[in-house]
Amino acid sequence: MKYIALVAAGLALAACEQTTRTTIIAPATCEAGPYQQWIGKDSATLAGIDTPDTMRIIRPNQPVTLDFNANRLNVETDGKGIITAVRCG
């Protein structure tokens, strides 16, 4: 019986414990600005030039991870492979 009382007391104390969560949003460090000139061009042209290691090309309806990576350069294309957006994330 004492064991049950101790467990119940422990659960009651655990329920009262407050936790604080802090979300840290890292600033974008991929520098998407210089790559804005790619918008309107065919994504196939990226094969012959020096691109960031952390770049990914996102095509319409393509599944992608939703995690934010401040160092990753996302290149979005339309159905014809034309680049429509370049952003960090």
C-alpha atoms as a PDB file:
ATOM      1  CA  MET A   1       0.000   0.000   0.000  1.00  0.00           C
ATOM      2  CA  LYS A   2       2.880   2.351   0.795  1.00  0.00           C
ATOM      3  CA  TYR A   3       4.294   1.694  -2.678  1.00  0.00           C
ATOM      4  CA  ILE A   4       1.073   2.818  -4.358  1.00  0.00           C
ATOM      5  CA  ALA A   5       0.991   5.973  -2.228  1.00  0.00           C
ATOM      6  CA  LEU A   6       4.590   6.789  -3.183  1.00  0.00           C
ATOM      7  CA  VAL A   7       3.896   6.264  -6.888  1.00  0.00           C
ATOM      8  CA  ALA A   8       0.772   8.430  -6.695  1.00  0.00           C
ATOM      9  CA  ALA A   9       2.695  11.187  -4.897  1.00  0.00           C
ATOM     10  CA  GLY A  10       5.464  11.018  -7.496  1.00  0.00           C
ATOM     11  CA  LEU A  11       2.981  11.293 -10.338  1.00  0.00           C
ATOM     12  CA  ALA A  12       1.293  14.237  -8.680  1.00  0.00           C
ATOM     13  CA  LEU A  13       4.598  16.067  -8.329  1.00  0.00           C
ATOM     14  CA  ALA A  14       5.593  15.260 -11.886  1.00  0.00           C
ATOM     15  CA  ALA A  15       2.331  16.727 -13.153  1.00  0.00           C
ATOM     16  CA  CYS A  16       3.120  20.011 -11.402  1.00  0.00           C
ATOM     17  CA  GLU A  17       6.560  20.377 -12.962  1.00  0.00           C
ATOM     18  CA  GLN A  18       6.739  23.228 -15.428  1.00  0.00           C
ATOM     19  CA  THR A  19       8.992  23.121 -18.436  1.00  0.00           C
ATOM     20  CA  THR A  20      10.089  25.990 -20.614  1.00  0.00           C
ATOM     21  CA  ARG A  21      10.837  25.473 -24.283  1.00  0.00           C
ATOM     22  CA  THR A  22      12.796  27.900 -26.353  1.00  0.00           C
ATOM     23  CA  THR A  23      12.680  27.828 -30.123  1.00  0.00           C
ATOM     24  CA  ILE A  24      15.751  29.175 -31.838  1.00  0.00           C
ATOM     25  CA  ILE A  25      15.414  30.182 -35.464  1.00  0.00           C
ATOM     26  CA  ALA A  26      18.794  30.380 -37.109  1.00  0.00           C
ATOM     27  CA  PRO A  27      19.279  33.145 -39.634  1.00  0.00           C
ATOM     28  CA  ALA A  28      19.547  32.068 -43.248  1.00  0.00           C
ATOM     29  CA  THR A  29      23.186  31.694 -44.187  1.00  0.00           C
ATOM     30  CA  CYS A  30      22.845  30.235 -47.665  1.00  0.00           C
ATOM     31  CA  GLU A  31      22.886  33.679 -49.334  1.00  0.00           C
ATOM     32  CA  ALA A  32      20.092  33.215 -51.902  1.00  0.00           C
ATOM     33  CA  GLY A  33      20.547  36.753 -53.274  1.00  0.00           C
ATOM     34  CA  PRO A  34      23.242  36.011 -55.852  1.00  0.00           C
ATOM     35  CA  TYR A  35      21.176  33.111 -57.221  1.00  0.00           C
ATOM     36  CA  GLN A  36      18.062  35.172 -57.978  1.00  0.00           C
ATOM     37  CA  GLN A  37      19.428  35.558 -61.509  1.00  0.00           C
ATOM     38  CA  TRP A  38      18.495  31.904 -62.088  1.00  0.00           C
ATOM     39  CA  ILE A  39      14.758  32.697 -61.981  1.00  0.00           C
ATOM     40  CA  GLY A  40      13.247  32.236 -65.430  1.00  0.00           C
ATOM     41  CA  LYS A  41      16.030  29.931 -66.637  1.00  0.00           C
ATOM     42  CA  ASP A  42      15.806  26.205 -67.331  1.00  0.00           C
ATOM     43  CA  SER A  43      16.962  24.135 -64.344  1.00  0.00           C
ATOM     44  CA  ALA A  44      18.945  21.897 -66.729  1.00  0.00           C
ATOM     45  CA  THR A  45      21.436  24.744 -67.138  1.00  0.00           C
ATOM     46  CA  LEU A  46      22.497  24.292 -63.502  1.00  0.00           C
ATOM     47  CA  ALA A  47      24.238  21.029 -64.405  1.00  0.00           C
ATOM     48  CA  GLY A  48      27.176  22.806 -65.994  1.00  0.00           C
ATOM     49  CA  ILE A  49      27.857  25.445 -63.346  1.00  0.00           C
ATOM     50  CA  ASP A  50      29.230  25.506 -59.819  1.00  0.00           C
ATOM     51  CA  THR A  51      26.297  25.205 -57.385  1.00  0.00           C
ATOM     52  CA  PRO A  52      26.172  25.077 -53.571  1.00  0.00           C
ATOM     53  CA  ASP A  53      26.616  21.631 -52.015  1.00  0.00           C
ATOM     54  CA  THR A  54      23.437  22.049 -49.995  1.00  0.00           C
ATOM     55  CA  MET A  55      21.223  22.956 -52.958  1.00  0.00           C
ATOM     56  CA  ARG A  56      18.108  21.011 -53.851  1.00  0.00           C
ATOM     57  CA  ILE A  57      15.813  21.388 -56.839  1.00  0.00           C
ATOM     58  CA  ILE A  58      12.119  21.127 -55.959  1.00  0.00           C
ATOM     59  CA  ARG A  59       9.764  20.185 -58.778  1.00  0.00           C
ATOM     60  CA  PRO A  60       5.934  20.514 -58.648  1.00  0.00           C
ATOM     61  CA  ASN A  61       4.254  17.959 -56.369  1.00  0.00           C
ATOM     62  CA  GLN A  62       7.626  16.550 -55.317  1.00  0.00           C
ATOM     63  CA  PRO A  63       7.678  15.459 -51.675  1.00  0.00           C
ATOM     64  CA  VAL A  64      10.321  17.268 -49.633  1.00  0.00           C
ATOM     65  CA  THR A  65      11.290  17.318 -45.997  1.00  0.00           C
ATOM     66  CA  LEU A  66       9.775  20.143 -43.969  1.00  0.00           C
ATOM     67  CA  ASP A  67      12.807  20.729 -41.781  1.00  0.00           C
ATOM     68  CA  PHE A  68      14.413  24.149 -41.999  1.00  0.00           C
ATOM     69  CA  ASN A  69      18.081  24.161 -42.905  1.00  0.00           C
ATOM     70  CA  ALA A  70      19.535  27.672 -42.926  1.00  0.00           C
ATOM     71  CA  ASN A  71      22.402  26.527 -45.131  1.00  0.00           C
ATOM     72  CA  ARG A  72      20.251  24.856 -47.796  1.00  0.00           C
ATOM     73  CA  LEU A  73      19.397  26.599 -51.079  1.00  0.00           C
ATOM     74  CA  ASN A  74      15.993  25.589 -52.459  1.00  0.00           C
ATOM     75  CA  VAL A  75      15.475  26.020 -56.189  1.00  0.00           C
ATOM     76  CA  GLU A  76      11.803  25.666 -57.141  1.00  0.00           C
ATOM     77  CA  THR A  77      10.723  24.882 -60.710  1.00  0.00           C
ATOM     78  CA  ASP A  78       7.488  24.715 -62.666  1.00  0.00           C
ATOM     79  CA  GLY A  79       6.285  21.712 -64.657  1.00  0.00           C
ATOM     80  CA  LYS A  80       8.545  22.585 -67.590  1.00  0.00           C
ATOM     81  CA  GLY A  81      11.687  22.809 -65.439  1.00  0.00           C
ATOM     82  CA  ILE A  82      11.836  26.613 -65.444  1.00  0.00           C
ATOM     83  CA  ILE A  83      13.118  28.059 -62.155  1.00  0.00           C
ATOM     84  CA  THR A  84      10.373  30.027 -60.412  1.00  0.00           C
ATOM     85  CA  ALA A  85      11.944  30.739 -57.001  1.00  0.00           C
ATOM     86  CA  VAL A  86      15.276  30.543 -55.182  1.00  0.00           C
ATOM     87  CA  ARG A  87      15.234  30.711 -51.386  1.00  0.00           C
ATOM     88  CA  CYS A  88      16.966  29.502 -48.271  1.00  0.00           C
ATOM     89  CA  GLY A  89      15.504  26.780 -46.139  1.00  0.00           C
END
